[in-house]
């Protein structure tokens, strides 16, 4: 499908939107809503995963990765067009969600804070944050979903460069006390508009290397956001001292994950080891050891997928003294050995 055709297609109502538009107008009056609900084909409702607040079991408690991603494949990114007229349900999810307003407006409610987004706005919502999105006209909004478990593997080099966006992601990957959202105002930026449209096209067609093409394009978009729009971002709490301190600690661990010790971190920041340990726990919700283990295992996944290094060499590179210890830790966290992980080619 060429771009001109795609630009035309995105304005057409799909099957889900036709359903949701009827539902939206039925909800304007009690009698019409009751009639609509009484005439529902419930088998189709469940097959299509229609979300109907009046029928509680159609609303999942949380949107898990498996709701959108095939967990038996490598794909960790997907771009969807948001269904217009679908109910603005307060929910959370296990992935990062990038919301882009291609045209028109939409309303976000994030942790009870209302945010009105307009053309060119990009809002990124991390996992576990309660939010809703409402689009009840012909506005076009895209959702790019990024699995938290693989985000650092995909954007390893980008996240190791200090900037406000990498700080946002790292704080929300390794800390239980991250930021609720980050918003960029890009207006009619053609390169970003074209990039999002391209990611949507790749998600639709799923041609050879489609997931890699999406990740490359999203990396470009991240770069443009930092280069051109960093000064005008909306971010609720990063300027607090705890956020800056947390990022500095996490960034240092990222840069030195293979050999750094708690004592070395303490010396770097001129703290005592005891205070540094408490600081990790109070600012991230996790211990130094837990964070180190997560960083090392994420790097191991990258090396298993992208290199032919032996398991022993990988264990040595990421800082484990013995291969056996690495295999034991990897299996406990990933529910398979490093060799099985490499053989299956699965991103967990």
C-alpha atoms as a PDB file:
ATOM      1  CA  UNK A   1       0.000   0.000   0.000  1.00  0.00           C
ATOM      2  CA  UNK A   2       1.461   3.388  -0.988  1.00  0.00           C
ATOM      3  CA  UNK A   3       1.342   6.413   1.312  1.00  0.00           C
ATOM      4  CA  UNK A   4      -1.409   8.281  -0.515  1.00  0.00           C
ATOM      5  CA  UNK A   5      -3.677   5.248  -0.292  1.00  0.00           C
ATOM      6  CA  UNK A   6      -2.768   4.757   3.363  1.00  0.00           C
ATOM      7  CA  UNK A   7      -3.515   8.417   4.149  1.00  0.00           C
ATOM      8  CA  UNK A   8      -6.957   7.925   2.671  1.00  0.00           C
ATOM      9  CA  UNK A   9      -7.590   4.590   4.389  1.00  0.00           C
ATOM     10  CA  UNK A  10      -6.886   5.829   7.920  1.00  0.00           C
ATOM     11  CA  UNK A  11     -10.016   8.021   7.843  1.00  0.00           C
ATOM     12  CA  UNK A  12     -12.372   5.152   7.036  1.00  0.00           C
ATOM     13  CA  UNK A  13     -14.271   3.575   9.913  1.00  0.00           C
ATOM     14  CA  UNK A  14     -13.230  -0.011  10.551  1.00  0.00           C
ATOM     15  CA  UNK A  15     -15.580  -2.726  11.836  1.00  0.00           C
ATOM     16  CA  UNK A  16     -14.795  -1.980  15.477  1.00  0.00           C
ATOM     17  CA  UNK A  17     -15.390   1.753  15.003  1.00  0.00           C
ATOM     18  CA  UNK A  18     -18.754   1.150  13.332  1.00  0.00           C
ATOM     19  CA  UNK A  19     -19.749  -0.865  16.395  1.00  0.00           C
ATOM     20  CA  UNK A  20     -18.370   1.695  18.858  1.00  0.00           C
ATOM     21  CA  UNK A  21     -20.040   4.614  17.081  1.00  0.00           C
ATOM     22  CA  UNK A  22     -23.455   2.912  17.375  1.00  0.00           C
ATOM     23  CA  UNK A  23     -22.686   2.188  21.019  1.00  0.00           C
ATOM     24  CA  UNK A  24     -21.529   5.781  21.631  1.00  0.00           C
ATOM     25  CA  UNK A  25     -24.758   7.285  20.317  1.00  0.00           C
ATOM     26  CA  UNK A  26     -26.877   4.644  22.048  1.00  0.00           C
ATOM     27  CA  UNK A  27     -25.360   5.721  25.369  1.00  0.00           C
ATOM     28  CA  UNK A  28     -26.802   9.220  24.966  1.00  0.00           C
ATOM     29  CA  UNK A  29     -30.229   7.997  26.143  1.00  0.00           C
ATOM     30  CA  UNK A  30     -31.059   5.290  28.676  1.00  0.00           C
ATOM     31  CA  UNK A  31     -33.735   3.639  26.557  1.00  0.00           C
ATOM     32  CA  UNK A  32     -31.506   3.485  23.455  1.00  0.00           C
ATOM     33  CA  UNK A  33     -28.636   2.042  25.515  1.00  0.00           C
ATOM     34  CA  UNK A  34     -30.882  -0.658  26.981  1.00  0.00           C
ATOM     35  CA  UNK A  35     -32.115  -1.536  23.491  1.00  0.00           C
ATOM     36  CA  UNK A  36     -28.553  -1.660  22.143  1.00  0.00           C
ATOM     37  CA  UNK A  37     -27.355  -3.926  24.967  1.00  0.00           C
ATOM     38  CA  UNK A  38     -30.374  -6.225  24.641  1.00  0.00           C
ATOM     39  CA  UNK A  39     -29.715  -6.777  20.925  1.00  0.00           C
ATOM     40  CA  UNK A  40     -25.971  -7.500  21.259  1.00  0.00           C
ATOM     41  CA  UNK A  41     -24.523 -10.627  19.687  1.00  0.00           C
ATOM     42  CA  UNK A  42     -22.474 -11.673  22.710  1.00  0.00           C
ATOM     43  CA  UNK A  43     -20.516 -14.287  20.804  1.00  0.00           C
ATOM     44  CA  UNK A  44     -19.250 -11.565  18.459  1.00  0.00           C
ATOM     45  CA  UNK A  45     -18.574  -9.225  21.379  1.00  0.00           C
ATOM     46  CA  UNK A  46     -16.208 -11.749  22.953  1.00  0.00           C
ATOM     47  CA  UNK A  47     -14.633 -12.806  19.653  1.00  0.00           C
ATOM     48  CA  UNK A  48     -13.833  -9.193  18.733  1.00  0.00           C
ATOM     49  CA  UNK A  49     -12.836  -8.220  22.276  1.00  0.00           C
ATOM     50  CA  UNK A  50     -15.276  -5.298  22.270  1.00  0.00           C
ATOM     51  CA  UNK A  51     -15.006  -3.256  25.471  1.00  0.00           C
ATOM     52  CA  UNK A  52     -18.383  -2.485  27.038  1.00  0.00           C
ATOM     53  CA  UNK A  53     -18.342  -1.008  30.565  1.00  0.00           C
ATOM     54  CA  UNK A  54     -21.935  -2.122  31.180  1.00  0.00           C
ATOM     55  CA  UNK A  55     -20.728  -5.715  30.723  1.00  0.00           C
ATOM     56  CA  UNK A  56     -17.881  -5.958  33.269  1.00  0.00           C
ATOM     57  CA  UNK A  57     -16.353  -9.201  32.020  1.00  0.00           C
ATOM     58  CA  UNK A  58     -15.489  -7.534  28.684  1.00  0.00           C
ATOM     59  CA  UNK A  59     -13.058  -5.238  30.522  1.00  0.00           C
ATOM     60  CA  UNK A  60      -9.730  -6.882  31.453  1.00  0.00           C
ATOM     61  CA  UNK A  61      -8.247  -5.900  34.832  1.00  0.00           C
ATOM     62  CA  UNK A  62      -5.071  -4.860  33.002  1.00  0.00           C
ATOM     63  CA  UNK A  63      -3.967  -4.890  29.375  1.00  0.00           C
ATOM     64  CA  UNK A  64      -1.206  -7.506  29.278  1.00  0.00           C
ATOM     65  CA  UNK A  65       1.459  -7.906  26.582  1.00  0.00           C
ATOM     66  CA  UNK A  66      -0.350 -10.987  25.278  1.00  0.00           C
ATOM     67  CA  UNK A  67      -3.418  -8.868  24.435  1.00  0.00           C
ATOM     68  CA  UNK A  68      -1.477  -7.229  21.577  1.00  0.00           C
ATOM     69  CA  UNK A  69       1.762  -9.173  21.080  1.00  0.00           C
ATOM     70  CA  UNK A  70       2.405 -12.729  19.976  1.00  0.00           C
ATOM     71  CA  UNK A  71       4.635 -13.868  22.833  1.00  0.00           C
ATOM     72  CA  UNK A  72       6.091 -16.633  20.665  1.00  0.00           C
ATOM     73  CA  UNK A  73       7.628 -14.157  18.242  1.00  0.00           C
ATOM     74  CA  UNK A  74      10.358 -11.538  18.477  1.00  0.00           C
ATOM     75  CA  UNK A  75       8.092  -8.562  17.758  1.00  0.00           C
ATOM     76  CA  UNK A  76       8.186  -6.133  20.660  1.00  0.00           C
ATOM     77  CA  UNK A  77       6.747  -3.062  18.937  1.00  0.00           C
ATOM     78  CA  UNK A  78       3.452  -2.500  17.201  1.00  0.00           C
ATOM     79  CA  UNK A  79       1.651   0.617  15.955  1.00  0.00           C
ATOM     80  CA  UNK A  80      -2.150   0.741  15.879  1.00  0.00           C
ATOM     81  CA  UNK A  81      -4.713   3.364  14.979  1.00  0.00           C
ATOM     82  CA  UNK A  82      -6.834   4.136  18.028  1.00  0.00           C
ATOM     83  CA  UNK A  83     -10.471   3.109  17.549  1.00  0.00           C
ATOM     84  CA  UNK A  84     -12.603   6.249  17.450  1.00  0.00           C
ATOM     85  CA  UNK A  85     -15.743   6.268  19.632  1.00  0.00           C
ATOM     86  CA  UNK A  86     -14.415   3.437  21.817  1.00  0.00           C
ATOM     87  CA  UNK A  87     -15.213   4.056  25.506  1.00  0.00           C
ATOM     88  CA  UNK A  88     -12.631   6.014  27.498  1.00  0.00           C
ATOM     89  CA  UNK A  89     -11.944   3.284  30.036  1.00  0.00           C
ATOM     90  CA  UNK A  90      -9.533   3.887  32.898  1.00  0.00           C
ATOM     91  CA  UNK A  91      -6.946   1.125  32.574  1.00  0.00           C
ATOM     92  CA  UNK A  92      -3.279   0.276  32.901  1.00  0.00           C
ATOM     93  CA  UNK A  93      -0.983  -1.994  30.908  1.00  0.00           C
ATOM     94  CA  UNK A  94       2.273  -3.907  31.118  1.00  0.00           C
ATOM     95  CA  UNK A  95       3.929  -2.047  28.208  1.00  0.00           C
ATOM     96  CA  UNK A  96       4.946   1.519  27.358  1.00  0.00           C
ATOM     97  CA  UNK A  97       2.393   3.290  25.172  1.00  0.00           C
ATOM     98  CA  UNK A  98       3.301   6.154  22.847  1.00  0.00           C
ATOM     99  CA  UNK A  99       0.214   8.123  21.793  1.00  0.00           C
ATOM    100  CA  UNK A 100       0.516  10.388  18.745  1.00  0.00           C
ATOM    101  CA  UNK A 101      -2.193  12.777  17.568  1.00  0.00           C
ATOM    102  CA  UNK A 102      -1.897  12.679  13.779  1.00  0.00           C
ATOM    103  CA  UNK A 103      -4.839  15.014  13.253  1.00  0.00           C
ATOM    104  CA  UNK A 104      -7.466  16.599  15.495  1.00  0.00           C
ATOM    105  CA  UNK A 105      -7.607  16.264  19.271  1.00  0.00           C
ATOM    106  CA  UNK A 106      -8.024  13.713  22.035  1.00  0.00           C
ATOM    107  CA  UNK A 107      -8.499  13.776  25.783  1.00  0.00           C
ATOM    108  CA  UNK A 108      -6.243  11.882  28.156  1.00  0.00           C
ATOM    109  CA  UNK A 109      -6.863  11.314  31.831  1.00  0.00           C
ATOM    110  CA  UNK A 110      -3.599  10.240  33.474  1.00  0.00           C
ATOM    111  CA  UNK A 111      -3.626   9.408  37.174  1.00  0.00           C
ATOM    112  CA  UNK A 112      -6.752  11.612  37.517  1.00  0.00           C
ATOM    113  CA  UNK A 113      -5.084  14.542  35.655  1.00  0.00           C
ATOM    114  CA  UNK A 114      -6.831  15.652  32.459  1.00  0.00           C
ATOM    115  CA  UNK A 115      -4.606  16.370  29.457  1.00  0.00           C
ATOM    116  CA  UNK A 116      -6.012  17.677  26.173  1.00  0.00           C
ATOM    117  CA  UNK A 117      -3.761  16.659  23.283  1.00  0.00           C
ATOM    118  CA  UNK A 118      -3.818  18.222  19.832  1.00  0.00           C
ATOM    119  CA  UNK A 119      -2.173  17.640  16.458  1.00  0.00           C
ATOM    120  CA  UNK A 120       1.471  16.637  16.743  1.00  0.00           C
ATOM    121  CA  UNK A 121       1.407  15.905  20.471  1.00  0.00           C
ATOM    122  CA  UNK A 122       3.208  12.769  21.617  1.00  0.00           C
ATOM    123  CA  UNK A 123       2.387  11.388  25.053  1.00  0.00           C
ATOM    124  CA  UNK A 124       4.251   8.385  26.460  1.00  0.00           C
ATOM    125  CA  UNK A 125       2.593   6.429  29.272  1.00  0.00           C
ATOM    126  CA  UNK A 126       4.669   3.894  31.236  1.00  0.00           C
ATOM    127  CA  UNK A 127       3.407   0.543  32.555  1.00  0.00           C
ATOM    128  CA  UNK A 128       1.087   0.393  35.580  1.00  0.00           C
ATOM    129  CA  UNK A 129      -0.138   3.992  35.195  1.00  0.00           C
ATOM    130  CA  UNK A 130      -3.921   4.375  35.251  1.00  0.00           C
ATOM    131  CA  UNK A 131      -5.154   6.391  32.284  1.00  0.00           C
ATOM    132  CA  UNK A 132      -7.854   6.678  29.634  1.00  0.00           C
ATOM    133  CA  UNK A 133      -8.034   8.095  26.128  1.00  0.00           C
ATOM    134  CA  UNK A 134     -11.113   9.501  24.423  1.00  0.00           C
ATOM    135  CA  UNK A 135     -11.556  10.162  20.696  1.00  0.00           C
ATOM    136  CA  UNK A 136     -15.189  10.884  19.794  1.00  0.00           C
ATOM    137  CA  UNK A 137     -14.935  12.585  16.404  1.00  0.00           C
ATOM    138  CA  UNK A 138     -12.920  12.132  13.197  1.00  0.00           C
ATOM    139  CA  UNK A 139      -9.562  12.794  14.865  1.00  0.00           C
ATOM    140  CA  UNK A 140      -6.777  10.344  14.001  1.00  0.00           C
ATOM    141  CA  UNK A 141      -4.663   9.029  16.867  1.00  0.00           C
ATOM    142  CA  UNK A 142      -1.980   6.330  16.709  1.00  0.00           C
ATOM    143  CA  UNK A 143      -0.771   4.111  19.549  1.00  0.00           C
ATOM    144  CA  UNK A 144       2.742   2.663  19.443  1.00  0.00           C
ATOM    145  CA  UNK A 145       3.092  -0.110  22.021  1.00  0.00           C
ATOM    146  CA  UNK A 146       6.554  -1.016  23.338  1.00  0.00           C
ATOM    147  CA  UNK A 147       7.087  -4.056  25.544  1.00  0.00           C
ATOM    148  CA  UNK A 148       8.807  -3.040  28.772  1.00  0.00           C
ATOM    149  CA  UNK A 149      10.660  -6.353  29.004  1.00  0.00           C
ATOM    150  CA  UNK A 150      12.509  -5.698  25.750  1.00  0.00           C
ATOM    151  CA  UNK A 151      12.688  -1.911  25.505  1.00  0.00           C
ATOM    152  CA  UNK A 152      16.214  -1.743  26.852  1.00  0.00           C
ATOM    153  CA  UNK A 153      17.350  -4.521  24.515  1.00  0.00           C
ATOM    154  CA  UNK A 154      16.033  -2.643  21.471  1.00  0.00           C
ATOM    155  CA  UNK A 155      17.241   0.839  22.408  1.00  0.00           C
ATOM    156  CA  UNK A 156      20.351  -0.098  24.410  1.00  0.00           C
ATOM    157  CA  UNK A 157      22.664   2.577  22.970  1.00  0.00           C
ATOM    158  CA  UNK A 158      20.029   5.312  23.018  1.00  0.00           C
ATOM    159  CA  UNK A 159      19.157   4.703  26.660  1.00  0.00           C
ATOM    160  CA  UNK A 160      22.827   4.840  27.643  1.00  0.00           C
ATOM    161  CA  UNK A 161      23.046   8.461  26.441  1.00  0.00           C
ATOM    162  CA  UNK A 162      21.961  10.966  29.106  1.00  0.00           C
ATOM    163  CA  UNK A 163      18.913  12.954  28.005  1.00  0.00           C
ATOM    164  CA  UNK A 164      15.437  13.632  29.352  1.00  0.00           C
ATOM    165  CA  UNK A 165      13.807  10.812  27.359  1.00  0.00           C
ATOM    166  CA  UNK A 166      16.316   8.133  28.326  1.00  0.00           C
ATOM    167  CA  UNK A 167      15.950   9.319  31.935  1.00  0.00           C
ATOM    168  CA  UNK A 168      12.186   8.865  31.665  1.00  0.00           C
ATOM    169  CA  UNK A 169      12.505   5.332  30.326  1.00  0.00           C
ATOM    170  CA  UNK A 170      15.262   4.225  32.704  1.00  0.00           C
ATOM    171  CA  UNK A 171      13.451   5.596  35.737  1.00  0.00           C
ATOM    172  CA  UNK A 172      10.328   3.678  34.716  1.00  0.00           C
ATOM    173  CA  UNK A 173      12.175   0.456  33.812  1.00  0.00           C
ATOM    174  CA  UNK A 174      14.252   0.104  36.956  1.00  0.00           C
ATOM    175  CA  UNK A 175      12.325   2.115  39.503  1.00  0.00           C
ATOM    176  CA  UNK A 176       8.949   1.522  41.085  1.00  0.00           C
ATOM    177  CA  UNK A 177       8.622   5.299  41.529  1.00  0.00           C
ATOM    178  CA  UNK A 178       8.875   6.577  37.959  1.00  0.00           C
ATOM    179  CA  UNK A 179       7.074   9.397  36.153  1.00  0.00           C
ATOM    180  CA  UNK A 180       3.417   9.157  35.105  1.00  0.00           C
ATOM    181  CA  UNK A 181       3.921  10.526  31.580  1.00  0.00           C
ATOM    182  CA  UNK A 182       6.009  12.671  29.267  1.00  0.00           C
ATOM    183  CA  UNK A 183       4.520  14.883  26.541  1.00  0.00           C
ATOM    184  CA  UNK A 184       6.223  16.442  23.487  1.00  0.00           C
ATOM    185  CA  UNK A 185       4.543  19.100  21.341  1.00  0.00           C
ATOM    186  CA  UNK A 186       5.707  18.566  17.733  1.00  0.00           C
ATOM    187  CA  UNK A 187       2.939  20.402  15.851  1.00  0.00           C
ATOM    188  CA  UNK A 188       2.980  19.697  12.127  1.00  0.00           C
ATOM    189  CA  UNK A 189       6.511  18.229  12.075  1.00  0.00           C
ATOM    190  CA  UNK A 190       6.521  16.331   8.765  1.00  0.00           C
ATOM    191  CA  UNK A 191       9.362  13.935   9.646  1.00  0.00           C
ATOM    192  CA  UNK A 192       7.651  12.730  12.809  1.00  0.00           C
ATOM    193  CA  UNK A 193       4.275  12.514  11.076  1.00  0.00           C
ATOM    194  CA  UNK A 194       5.797  10.471   8.264  1.00  0.00           C
ATOM    195  CA  UNK A 195       7.677   8.268  10.746  1.00  0.00           C
ATOM    196  CA  UNK A 196       4.556   7.349  12.706  1.00  0.00           C
ATOM    197  CA  UNK A 197       2.653   6.670   9.495  1.00  0.00           C
ATOM    198  CA  UNK A 198       5.507   4.440   8.330  1.00  0.00           C
ATOM    199  CA  UNK A 199       5.433   2.452  11.593  1.00  0.00           C
ATOM    200  CA  UNK A 200       1.690   1.970  11.157  1.00  0.00           C
ATOM    201  CA  UNK A 201       2.216   0.791   7.573  1.00  0.00           C
ATOM    202  CA  UNK A 202       4.843  -1.744   8.675  1.00  0.00           C
ATOM    203  CA  UNK A 203       2.556  -3.027  11.446  1.00  0.00           C
ATOM    204  CA  UNK A 204      -0.263  -3.528   8.943  1.00  0.00           C
ATOM    205  CA  UNK A 205       1.768  -5.301   6.272  1.00  0.00           C
ATOM    206  CA  UNK A 206       4.255  -7.177   8.498  1.00  0.00           C
ATOM    207  CA  UNK A 207       6.671  -7.740   5.642  1.00  0.00           C
ATOM    208  CA  UNK A 208      10.180  -9.131   6.143  1.00  0.00           C
ATOM    209  CA  UNK A 209      11.983  -7.408   9.063  1.00  0.00           C
ATOM    210  CA  UNK A 210       8.922  -5.283   9.809  1.00  0.00           C
ATOM    211  CA  UNK A 211       9.579  -5.175  13.558  1.00  0.00           C
ATOM    212  CA  UNK A 212      13.193  -4.096  13.055  1.00  0.00           C
ATOM    213  CA  UNK A 213      12.052  -1.374  10.653  1.00  0.00           C
ATOM    214  CA  UNK A 214       9.658  -0.061  13.292  1.00  0.00           C
ATOM    215  CA  UNK A 215      12.393  -0.008  15.946  1.00  0.00           C
ATOM    216  CA  UNK A 216      14.778   1.885  13.623  1.00  0.00           C
ATOM    217  CA  UNK A 217      12.068   4.410  12.817  1.00  0.00           C
ATOM    218  CA  UNK A 218      11.132   4.875  16.457  1.00  0.00           C
ATOM    219  CA  UNK A 219      14.804   5.459  17.282  1.00  0.00           C
ATOM    220  CA  UNK A 220      14.830   8.236  14.681  1.00  0.00           C
ATOM    221  CA  UNK A 221      11.688   9.760  16.184  1.00  0.00           C
ATOM    222  CA  UNK A 222      13.257   9.666  19.659  1.00  0.00           C
ATOM    223  CA  UNK A 223      16.285  11.497  18.288  1.00  0.00           C
ATOM    224  CA  UNK A 224      14.126  14.188  16.683  1.00  0.00           C
ATOM    225  CA  UNK A 225      12.171  14.640  19.918  1.00  0.00           C
ATOM    226  CA  UNK A 226      15.345  15.193  21.934  1.00  0.00           C
ATOM    227  CA  UNK A 227      16.985  17.397  19.322  1.00  0.00           C
ATOM    228  CA  UNK A 228      14.032  19.660  18.584  1.00  0.00           C
ATOM    229  CA  UNK A 229      11.495  19.481  21.403  1.00  0.00           C
ATOM    230  CA  UNK A 230      13.292  18.748  24.683  1.00  0.00           C
ATOM    231  CA  UNK A 231      12.855  22.325  25.955  1.00  0.00           C
ATOM    232  CA  UNK A 232       9.064  22.314  25.613  1.00  0.00           C
ATOM    233  CA  UNK A 233       8.225  18.950  27.178  1.00  0.00           C
ATOM    234  CA  UNK A 234       5.641  18.343  29.879  1.00  0.00           C
ATOM    235  CA  UNK A 235       6.883  16.010  32.603  1.00  0.00           C
ATOM    236  CA  UNK A 236       5.191  15.974  36.005  1.00  0.00           C
ATOM    237  CA  UNK A 237       7.921  15.190  38.529  1.00  0.00           C
ATOM    238  CA  UNK A 238      11.366  14.769  36.965  1.00  0.00           C
ATOM    239  CA  UNK A 239      12.653  18.087  38.266  1.00  0.00           C
ATOM    240  CA  UNK A 240      12.253  16.869  41.810  1.00  0.00           C
ATOM    241  CA  UNK A 241      15.571  16.162  43.498  1.00  0.00           C
ATOM    242  CA  UNK A 242      14.738  12.470  43.984  1.00  0.00           C
ATOM    243  CA  UNK A 243      14.212  11.964  40.244  1.00  0.00           C
ATOM    244  CA  UNK A 244      17.525  13.549  39.293  1.00  0.00           C
ATOM    245  CA  UNK A 245      19.321  11.578  41.998  1.00  0.00           C
ATOM    246  CA  UNK A 246      17.660   8.322  40.962  1.00  0.00           C
ATOM    247  CA  UNK A 247      18.607   8.767  37.318  1.00  0.00           C
ATOM    248  CA  UNK A 248      22.229   9.565  38.194  1.00  0.00           C
ATOM    249  CA  UNK A 249      22.509   6.357  40.208  1.00  0.00           C
ATOM    250  CA  UNK A 250      20.822   4.216  37.554  1.00  0.00           C
ATOM    251  CA  UNK A 251      22.863   5.752  34.748  1.00  0.00           C
ATOM    252  CA  UNK A 252      26.114   4.985  36.580  1.00  0.00           C
ATOM    253  CA  UNK A 253      25.041   1.374  37.085  1.00  0.00           C
ATOM    254  CA  UNK A 254      24.109   1.179  33.388  1.00  0.00           C
ATOM    255  CA  UNK A 255      27.539   2.419  32.341  1.00  0.00           C
ATOM    256  CA  UNK A 256      29.450   0.080  34.643  1.00  0.00           C
ATOM    257  CA  UNK A 257      27.157  -2.918  35.066  1.00  0.00           C
ATOM    258  CA  UNK A 258      29.740  -5.655  34.478  1.00  0.00           C
ATOM    259  CA  UNK A 259      31.912  -4.895  37.491  1.00  0.00           C
ATOM    260  CA  UNK A 260      30.563  -2.055  39.625  1.00  0.00           C
ATOM    261  CA  UNK A 261      30.051  -2.668  43.338  1.00  0.00           C
ATOM    262  CA  UNK A 262      27.959  -0.871  45.915  1.00  0.00           C
ATOM    263  CA  UNK A 263      31.139   0.519  47.462  1.00  0.00           C
ATOM    264  CA  UNK A 264      32.253   1.933  44.116  1.00  0.00           C
ATOM    265  CA  UNK A 265      28.863   3.628  43.583  1.00  0.00           C
ATOM    266  CA  UNK A 266      29.097   5.085  47.082  1.00  0.00           C
ATOM    267  CA  UNK A 267      32.594   6.395  46.396  1.00  0.00           C
ATOM    268  CA  UNK A 268      31.518   7.901  43.056  1.00  0.00           C
ATOM    269  CA  UNK A 269      28.710   9.922  44.685  1.00  0.00           C
ATOM    270  CA  UNK A 270      30.587  10.618  47.953  1.00  0.00           C
ATOM    271  CA  UNK A 271      28.147   8.639  50.110  1.00  0.00           C
ATOM    272  CA  UNK A 272      28.672   5.848  52.600  1.00  0.00           C
ATOM    273  CA  UNK A 273      27.793   2.341  51.359  1.00  0.00           C
ATOM    274  CA  UNK A 274      25.005   2.152  53.938  1.00  0.00           C
ATOM    275  CA  UNK A 275      23.447   5.416  52.754  1.00  0.00           C
ATOM    276  CA  UNK A 276      23.845   4.390  49.096  1.00  0.00           C
ATOM    277  CA  UNK A 277      22.032   1.125  49.764  1.00  0.00           C
ATOM    278  CA  UNK A 278      19.156   2.963  51.449  1.00  0.00           C
ATOM    279  CA  UNK A 279      19.102   5.495  48.598  1.00  0.00           C
ATOM    280  CA  UNK A 280      18.621   2.789  45.974  1.00  0.00           C
ATOM    281  CA  UNK A 281      15.789   1.298  47.968  1.00  0.00           C
ATOM    282  CA  UNK A 282      14.066   4.595  48.781  1.00  0.00           C
ATOM    283  CA  UNK A 283      14.294   6.133  45.287  1.00  0.00           C
ATOM    284  CA  UNK A 284      13.718   3.040  43.141  1.00  0.00           C
ATOM    285  CA  UNK A 285      11.889   0.613  45.421  1.00  0.00           C
ATOM    286  CA  UNK A 286      14.567  -2.001  44.656  1.00  0.00           C
ATOM    287  CA  UNK A 287      17.872  -3.033  46.148  1.00  0.00           C
ATOM    288  CA  UNK A 288      21.212  -2.456  44.436  1.00  0.00           C
ATOM    289  CA  UNK A 289      21.543  -6.219  43.903  1.00  0.00           C
ATOM    290  CA  UNK A 290      18.109  -6.458  42.237  1.00  0.00           C
ATOM    291  CA  UNK A 291      18.876  -3.622  39.840  1.00  0.00           C
ATOM    292  CA  UNK A 292      22.284  -5.052  38.962  1.00  0.00           C
ATOM    293  CA  UNK A 293      20.745  -8.429  38.208  1.00  0.00           C
ATOM    294  CA  UNK A 294      18.108  -6.925  35.910  1.00  0.00           C
ATOM    295  CA  UNK A 295      20.634  -4.823  34.000  1.00  0.00           C
ATOM    296  CA  UNK A 296      22.965  -7.785  33.521  1.00  0.00           C
ATOM    297  CA  UNK A 297      20.202 -10.136  32.346  1.00  0.00           C
ATOM    298  CA  UNK A 298      18.928  -7.580  29.842  1.00  0.00           C
ATOM    299  CA  UNK A 299      22.431  -7.246  28.402  1.00  0.00           C
ATOM    300  CA  UNK A 300      22.696 -11.041  28.307  1.00  0.00           C
ATOM    301  CA  UNK A 301      19.512 -11.231  26.213  1.00  0.00           C
ATOM    302  CA  UNK A 302      20.983  -8.800  23.687  1.00  0.00           C
ATOM    303  CA  UNK A 303      24.220 -10.794  23.418  1.00  0.00           C
ATOM    304  CA  UNK A 304      22.351 -14.095  23.098  1.00  0.00           C
ATOM    305  CA  UNK A 305      20.191 -12.723  20.287  1.00  0.00           C
ATOM    306  CA  UNK A 306      22.719 -10.641  18.382  1.00  0.00           C
ATOM    307  CA  UNK A 307      26.074 -12.432  18.756  1.00  0.00           C
ATOM    308  CA  UNK A 308      27.589 -15.904  18.521  1.00  0.00           C
ATOM    309  CA  UNK A 309      29.423 -15.561  21.819  1.00  0.00           C
ATOM    310  CA  UNK A 310      29.385 -18.666  23.973  1.00  0.00           C
ATOM    311  CA  UNK A 311      27.292 -18.692  27.126  1.00  0.00           C
ATOM    312  CA  UNK A 312      30.514 -18.756  29.148  1.00  0.00           C
ATOM    313  CA  UNK A 313      31.852 -15.650  27.374  1.00  0.00           C
ATOM    314  CA  UNK A 314      28.551 -13.831  27.896  1.00  0.00           C
ATOM    315  CA  UNK A 315      28.552 -14.716  31.586  1.00  0.00           C
ATOM    316  CA  UNK A 316      32.057 -13.297  31.876  1.00  0.00           C
ATOM    317  CA  UNK A 317      31.228 -10.124  29.925  1.00  0.00           C
ATOM    318  CA  UNK A 318      28.238  -9.217  32.055  1.00  0.00           C
ATOM    319  CA  UNK A 319      30.053  -9.775  35.345  1.00  0.00           C
ATOM    320  CA  UNK A 320      29.244 -13.277  36.621  1.00  0.00           C
ATOM    321  CA  UNK A 321      32.201 -15.132  38.102  1.00  0.00           C
ATOM    322  CA  UNK A 322      30.992 -18.558  36.973  1.00  0.00           C
ATOM    323  CA  UNK A 323      28.911 -19.746  34.040  1.00  0.00           C
ATOM    324  CA  UNK A 324      26.888 -21.956  36.351  1.00  0.00           C
ATOM    325  CA  UNK A 325      25.810 -19.006  38.490  1.00  0.00           C
ATOM    326  CA  UNK A 326      24.761 -17.049  35.385  1.00  0.00           C
ATOM    327  CA  UNK A 327      22.739 -19.984  34.013  1.00  0.00           C
ATOM    328  CA  UNK A 328      21.029 -20.510  37.371  1.00  0.00           C
ATOM    329  CA  UNK A 329      20.037 -16.817  37.672  1.00  0.00           C
ATOM    330  CA  UNK A 330      18.959 -16.618  34.012  1.00  0.00           C
ATOM    331  CA  UNK A 331      16.772 -19.723  34.282  1.00  0.00           C
ATOM    332  CA  UNK A 332      15.148 -18.489  37.489  1.00  0.00           C
ATOM    333  CA  UNK A 333      14.156 -15.177  35.874  1.00  0.00           C
ATOM    334  CA  UNK A 334      13.447 -16.254  32.294  1.00  0.00           C
ATOM    335  CA  UNK A 335      12.126 -19.788  32.948  1.00  0.00           C
ATOM    336  CA  UNK A 336      14.549 -21.240  30.406  1.00  0.00           C
ATOM    337  CA  UNK A 337      18.305 -21.624  30.059  1.00  0.00           C
ATOM    338  CA  UNK A 338      20.378 -19.152  27.978  1.00  0.00           C
ATOM    339  CA  UNK A 339      20.864 -21.852  25.340  1.00  0.00           C
ATOM    340  CA  UNK A 340      17.110 -22.489  25.104  1.00  0.00           C
ATOM    341  CA  UNK A 341      16.486 -18.758  24.874  1.00  0.00           C
ATOM    342  CA  UNK A 342      18.951 -18.414  21.994  1.00  0.00           C
ATOM    343  CA  UNK A 343      17.623 -21.500  20.192  1.00  0.00           C
ATOM    344  CA  UNK A 344      13.990 -20.440  20.389  1.00  0.00           C
ATOM    345  CA  UNK A 345      14.744 -16.877  19.343  1.00  0.00           C
ATOM    346  CA  UNK A 346      12.028 -15.662  21.726  1.00  0.00           C
ATOM    347  CA  UNK A 347      11.794 -12.243  23.333  1.00  0.00           C
ATOM    348  CA  UNK A 348      10.156 -12.730  26.710  1.00  0.00           C
END
